[in-house]
């Protein structure tokens, strides 16, 4: 009598009829490769052929891969929703502020003024840190999934503060980096298995907002403006459901963007300005999130 443990796998009703791709690739590794045919790139399996995958015609496939990879890994990590934090890559931490001013002493008057302006915004590094830590410590779970998982662009400054705050709370956080011509790397506080790198800005921006339940926007440059105004546009046009948009630094934003003038010019509605919630502290931001979602503060 044959023991059940000795049952031939091929007779198992739940067994796959085709070998998985990973196993098929293994077969290729052990096959002979000494012929001109097997040594030619044309013979490579398509999904293992980097030169083929990087061809111009394969751009739609690469788009799909950049959409799928983070989506699948975030699902597996049980990430239900995120708190996205945008902001400058140049604002120093409070620890670095004095050194930044000291380093600028020999520079032009203009450069010294720029350094002083950046140092004055070091307080927003602190508030980004506090908000990320505060939300992470609450460790909200719903339907078995983690909610308000801190997400940043994975870089330095405000992004670092966000991931650092989550890390110091003993929580995981997400970093969505982008390939740039100059060297850059994820900040050391991003959870390694939730650290993603993108080639396409469009796909990165999608992943910022697919799970977002609130977005905190700190003073920043072109990248921050881009992400902030695109978010406003998505909600203004009804393409995306409303959510808390927490804008830190009223003095900064009103100096660089005249929101009231845009409304007075008639190119947006006055009520569109209500999409923005002004904040100066992490407590301000969390209070609005808690009110919006009827959470315990």
Protein backbone atom coordinates (compact mmCIF):
# COMPACT_ATOMS: atom_id res chain seq x y z
CA UNK A 1 0.00 0.00 0.00
CA UNK A 2 1.41 3.41 -0.99
CA UNK A 3 1.77 5.92 1.83
CA UNK A 4 0.02 9.27 1.25
CA UNK A 5 3.37 11.04 1.69
CA UNK A 6 4.73 9.11 -1.30
CA UNK A 7 1.94 10.31 -3.57
CA UNK A 8 3.27 11.39 -6.98
CA UNK A 9 2.89 15.20 -7.25
CA UNK A 10 1.76 14.92 -10.88
CA UNK A 11 -1.38 13.18 -9.64
CA UNK A 12 -2.25 15.96 -7.21
CA UNK A 13 -5.44 17.74 -8.30
CA UNK A 14 -4.18 21.04 -6.91
CA UNK A 15 -0.78 20.83 -8.61
CA UNK A 16 0.00 23.24 -11.46
CA UNK A 17 0.29 21.75 -14.94
CA UNK A 18 2.90 24.29 -16.04
CA UNK A 19 6.18 25.03 -14.32
CA UNK A 20 6.39 28.53 -12.81
CA UNK A 21 8.62 31.05 -14.58
CA UNK A 22 11.25 30.91 -11.85
CA UNK A 23 11.60 27.14 -12.28
CA UNK A 24 11.71 27.41 -16.06
CA UNK A 25 14.52 29.96 -15.71
CA UNK A 26 16.36 27.42 -13.57
CA UNK A 27 16.08 24.85 -16.33
CA UNK A 28 17.76 27.33 -18.66
CA UNK A 29 20.64 27.79 -16.23
CA UNK A 30 21.40 24.07 -16.21
CA UNK A 31 20.98 23.55 -19.97
CA UNK A 32 24.04 23.42 -22.24
CA UNK A 33 25.08 26.85 -23.55
CA UNK A 34 27.98 26.03 -25.79
CA UNK A 35 26.27 26.32 -29.17
CA UNK A 36 26.13 29.53 -31.25
CA UNK A 37 22.34 29.41 -31.01
CA UNK A 38 22.15 29.21 -27.22
CA UNK A 39 24.83 31.87 -26.79
CA UNK A 40 23.03 34.44 -28.93
CA UNK A 41 20.88 37.08 -27.07
CA UNK A 42 17.89 36.13 -29.22
CA UNK A 43 17.73 32.82 -27.34
CA UNK A 44 17.33 34.43 -23.90
CA UNK A 45 13.98 34.16 -22.19
CA UNK A 46 12.24 37.49 -22.84
CA UNK A 47 11.73 38.26 -19.14
CA UNK A 48 15.45 37.70 -18.45
CA UNK A 49 16.67 39.78 -21.36
CA UNK A 50 17.50 43.25 -19.99
CA UNK A 51 18.47 44.62 -23.39
CA UNK A 52 15.08 43.60 -24.74
CA UNK A 53 13.15 44.99 -21.75
CA UNK A 54 14.90 48.35 -22.10
CA UNK A 55 13.97 48.81 -25.75
CA UNK A 56 11.88 51.85 -26.70
CA UNK A 57 8.97 49.66 -27.77
CA UNK A 58 8.77 48.07 -24.30
CA UNK A 59 7.93 51.33 -22.51
CA UNK A 60 4.27 50.25 -21.92
CA UNK A 61 5.53 47.05 -20.27
CA UNK A 62 7.90 49.02 -18.04
CA UNK A 63 5.02 51.30 -17.06
CA UNK A 64 3.03 48.26 -16.03
CA UNK A 65 5.93 46.82 -14.04
CA UNK A 66 6.42 50.09 -12.11
CA UNK A 67 2.73 50.14 -11.31
CA UNK A 68 2.58 46.50 -10.25
CA UNK A 69 5.75 46.01 -8.22
CA UNK A 70 5.08 48.58 -5.44
CA UNK A 71 1.34 47.81 -5.50
CA UNK A 72 1.92 44.09 -4.92
CA UNK A 73 4.58 44.59 -2.24
CA UNK A 74 2.47 47.16 -0.36
CA UNK A 75 -0.49 44.77 -0.45
CA UNK A 76 1.72 42.00 0.93
CA UNK A 77 2.92 44.39 3.66
CA UNK A 78 -0.73 45.01 4.66
CA UNK A 79 -0.52 48.75 4.00
CA UNK A 80 -4.10 49.97 3.89
CA UNK A 81 -3.59 53.72 3.69
CA UNK A 82 -0.84 56.30 3.89
CA UNK A 83 -0.01 59.73 5.26
CA UNK A 84 2.01 61.32 2.47
CA UNK A 85 4.52 64.01 3.35
CA UNK A 86 5.92 66.35 0.67
CA UNK A 87 8.60 68.97 1.18
CA UNK A 88 11.99 70.39 0.34
CA UNK A 89 15.15 68.32 0.02
CA UNK A 90 17.18 71.38 1.16
CA UNK A 91 15.81 72.48 4.53
CA UNK A 92 18.37 71.57 7.24
CA UNK A 93 17.56 69.69 10.40
CA UNK A 94 17.81 71.77 13.60
CA UNK A 95 21.09 69.95 14.33
CA UNK A 96 22.54 71.12 11.01
CA UNK A 97 21.17 74.67 11.07
CA UNK A 98 24.06 76.45 12.78
CA UNK A 99 26.63 74.64 10.67
CA UNK A 100 24.77 75.77 7.54
CA UNK A 101 24.95 79.42 8.63
CA UNK A 102 28.60 79.11 9.58
CA UNK A 103 29.45 77.57 6.19
CA UNK A 104 27.78 80.49 4.38
CA UNK A 105 29.79 83.23 6.15
CA UNK A 106 32.32 83.58 3.35
CA UNK A 107 29.68 83.59 0.61
CA UNK A 108 27.97 86.49 -1.12
CA UNK A 109 25.27 88.47 0.63
CA UNK A 110 22.67 86.72 -1.51
CA UNK A 111 23.95 83.24 -0.56
CA UNK A 112 24.03 84.20 3.12
CA UNK A 113 20.42 85.37 2.88
CA UNK A 114 19.42 82.08 1.22
CA UNK A 115 21.19 80.10 3.95
CA UNK A 116 19.44 82.15 6.64
CA UNK A 117 16.05 81.57 4.97
CA UNK A 118 16.63 77.83 4.87
CA UNK A 119 17.74 77.74 8.49
CA UNK A 120 14.61 79.68 9.49
CA UNK A 121 12.58 76.81 8.04
CA UNK A 122 14.40 74.16 10.10
CA UNK A 123 11.38 74.23 12.41
CA UNK A 124 9.42 72.45 9.68
CA UNK A 125 11.88 69.56 9.81
CA UNK A 126 10.90 69.27 13.47
CA UNK A 127 7.18 69.47 12.75
CA UNK A 128 7.43 66.86 9.98
CA UNK A 129 9.29 64.60 12.40
CA UNK A 130 6.70 65.16 15.14
CA UNK A 131 3.74 64.52 12.82
CA UNK A 132 5.24 61.30 11.46
CA UNK A 133 6.11 60.06 14.93
CA UNK A 134 2.72 61.02 16.36
CA UNK A 135 0.74 59.25 13.65
CA UNK A 136 3.02 56.20 13.70
CA UNK A 137 2.69 55.81 17.46
CA UNK A 138 -1.08 55.63 17.10
CA UNK A 139 -0.58 52.44 15.04
CA UNK A 140 -4.10 52.49 13.62
CA UNK A 141 -5.21 49.17 12.11
CA UNK A 142 -8.47 48.61 10.29
CA UNK A 143 -9.64 45.44 8.51
CA UNK A 144 -6.28 43.90 9.32
CA UNK A 145 -4.39 46.61 7.44
CA UNK A 146 -2.15 49.39 8.71
CA UNK A 147 -3.54 52.88 8.23
CA UNK A 148 -1.75 56.22 7.77
CA UNK A 149 1.62 54.59 7.08
CA UNK A 150 4.09 57.46 6.67
CA UNK A 151 5.23 57.90 3.07
CA UNK A 152 7.86 60.28 1.72
CA UNK A 153 9.90 60.76 -1.43
CA UNK A 154 12.65 58.84 0.34
CA UNK A 155 15.22 61.63 0.12
CA UNK A 156 16.83 64.07 2.61
CA UNK A 157 15.50 66.98 4.66
CA UNK A 158 11.69 67.03 5.12
CA UNK A 159 11.51 63.53 3.61
CA UNK A 160 14.13 62.27 6.03
CA UNK A 161 12.25 63.88 8.93
CA UNK A 162 9.11 61.96 7.97
CA UNK A 163 10.82 58.56 7.80
CA UNK A 164 12.89 59.34 10.88
CA UNK A 165 9.81 60.17 12.93
CA UNK A 166 8.18 56.88 11.98
CA UNK A 167 11.38 54.95 12.68
CA UNK A 168 11.77 56.50 16.13
CA UNK A 169 8.19 55.45 16.88
CA UNK A 170 9.18 51.87 16.09
CA UNK A 171 7.06 51.88 12.92
CA UNK A 172 7.75 51.10 9.31
CA UNK A 173 7.57 53.79 6.62
CA UNK A 174 7.65 54.02 2.85
CA UNK A 175 10.12 55.82 0.58
CA UNK A 176 9.39 56.46 -3.10
CA UNK A 177 12.69 57.44 -4.70
CA UNK A 178 13.22 58.50 -8.30
CA UNK A 179 16.26 57.89 -10.52
CA UNK A 180 18.03 61.22 -11.15
CA UNK A 181 21.14 62.09 -13.17
CA UNK A 182 22.99 63.14 -10.02
CA UNK A 183 23.80 60.58 -7.35
CA UNK A 184 21.19 60.16 -4.65
CA UNK A 185 20.05 57.40 -2.32
CA UNK A 186 17.19 56.69 0.09
CA UNK A 187 17.56 58.22 3.54
CA UNK A 188 18.59 55.66 6.15
CA UNK A 189 15.24 55.76 7.98
CA UNK A 190 13.12 54.26 5.19
CA UNK A 191 12.08 50.67 5.89
CA UNK A 192 14.27 48.67 3.46
CA UNK A 193 11.53 46.41 2.11
CA UNK A 194 9.27 49.45 1.61
CA UNK A 195 11.93 51.44 -0.24
CA UNK A 196 11.08 51.75 -3.94
CA UNK A 197 12.88 53.29 -6.88
CA UNK A 198 11.11 54.67 -9.95
CA UNK A 199 12.18 55.54 -13.45
CA UNK A 200 8.89 57.27 -14.36
CA UNK A 201 7.74 60.34 -12.43
CA UNK A 202 4.15 59.61 -13.48
CA UNK A 203 4.11 56.18 -11.84
CA UNK A 204 5.80 57.48 -8.70
CA UNK A 205 3.18 60.21 -8.41
CA UNK A 206 0.41 57.61 -8.80
CA UNK A 207 1.81 55.58 -5.91
CA UNK A 208 2.00 58.67 -3.71
CA UNK A 209 -1.77 59.08 -4.01
CA UNK A 210 -3.24 55.60 -4.58
CA UNK A 211 -3.37 54.88 -0.83
CA UNK A 212 -3.19 58.43 0.52
CA UNK A 213 -5.75 59.39 3.17
CA UNK A 214 -4.03 62.69 4.07
CA UNK A 215 -1.20 64.75 2.59
CA UNK A 216 1.05 67.09 4.54
CA UNK A 217 2.84 69.66 2.36
CA UNK A 218 5.82 71.55 3.76
CA UNK A 219 7.78 74.40 2.16
CA UNK A 220 9.56 73.18 -0.94
CA UNK A 221 10.65 73.80 -4.49
CA UNK A 222 9.53 72.76 -7.96
CA UNK A 223 8.98 69.12 -6.99
CA UNK A 224 6.82 70.01 -4.01
CA UNK A 225 4.86 72.55 -6.09
CA UNK A 226 4.30 69.93 -8.78
CA UNK A 227 2.96 67.30 -6.38
CA UNK A 228 0.91 69.81 -4.36
CA UNK A 229 -0.80 71.47 -7.33
CA UNK A 230 -1.49 68.17 -9.04
CA UNK A 231 -3.20 66.96 -5.87
CA UNK A 232 -5.29 70.15 -5.73
CA UNK A 233 -6.24 69.68 -9.38
CA UNK A 234 -7.29 66.05 -8.89
CA UNK A 235 -9.62 66.99 -6.03
CA UNK A 236 -10.84 70.25 -7.59
CA UNK A 237 -11.88 68.42 -10.78
CA UNK A 238 -13.57 65.59 -8.89
CA UNK A 239 -11.11 63.03 -10.22
CA UNK A 240 -10.19 62.20 -6.64
CA UNK A 241 -12.27 62.23 -3.46
CA UNK A 242 -11.51 65.02 -0.95
CA UNK A 243 -8.97 64.39 1.79
CA UNK A 244 -7.08 66.57 4.26
CA UNK A 245 -4.44 68.68 2.46
CA UNK A 246 -2.35 70.08 5.30
CA UNK A 247 -0.27 73.05 4.16
CA UNK A 248 2.54 73.98 6.56
CA UNK A 249 4.12 77.43 6.53
CA UNK A 250 1.53 80.06 5.65
CA UNK A 251 4.18 82.79 5.59
CA UNK A 252 6.24 80.91 3.04
CA UNK A 253 3.36 79.89 0.79
CA UNK A 254 1.65 83.28 0.76
CA UNK A 255 4.96 84.88 -0.17
CA UNK A 256 5.63 82.58 -3.11
CA UNK A 257 2.04 81.93 -4.27
CA UNK A 258 -0.79 84.46 -4.11
CA UNK A 259 -3.71 82.09 -3.72
CA UNK A 260 -6.22 84.88 -3.17
CA UNK A 261 -5.10 86.59 -6.38
CA UNK A 262 -5.67 83.41 -8.38
CA UNK A 263 -9.26 83.37 -7.12
CA UNK A 264 -9.73 87.09 -7.72
CA UNK A 265 -8.50 86.63 -11.28
CA UNK A 266 -11.35 84.17 -11.74
CA UNK A 267 -9.17 81.27 -12.84
CA UNK A 268 -10.25 79.23 -9.81
CA UNK A 269 -13.30 79.46 -7.60
CA UNK A 270 -13.04 81.11 -4.20
CA UNK A 271 -14.28 77.88 -2.61
CA UNK A 272 -11.35 75.98 -4.15
CA UNK A 273 -9.18 77.62 -1.49
CA UNK A 274 -11.13 75.60 1.09
CA UNK A 275 -9.33 72.50 -0.16
CA UNK A 276 -6.32 73.73 1.82
CA UNK A 277 -5.99 73.46 5.60
CA UNK A 278 -3.30 75.73 7.00
CA UNK A 279 -1.05 74.24 9.68
CA UNK A 280 1.95 75.31 11.68
CA UNK A 281 2.32 72.35 14.04
CA UNK A 282 1.98 68.59 13.98
CA UNK A 283 -0.84 68.92 16.52
CA UNK A 284 -2.76 71.18 14.11
CA UNK A 285 -2.39 68.61 11.35
CA UNK A 286 -3.44 65.58 13.38
CA UNK A 287 -6.42 67.42 14.85
CA UNK A 288 -7.73 68.06 11.34
CA UNK A 289 -7.10 64.47 10.21
CA UNK A 290 -8.88 63.14 13.31
CA UNK A 291 -11.83 65.47 12.74
CA UNK A 292 -12.08 64.61 9.04
CA UNK A 293 -12.14 60.85 9.69
CA UNK A 294 -13.93 60.99 13.06
CA UNK A 295 -10.99 59.46 14.91
CA UNK A 296 -10.01 59.74 18.55
CA UNK A 297 -7.49 62.54 18.79
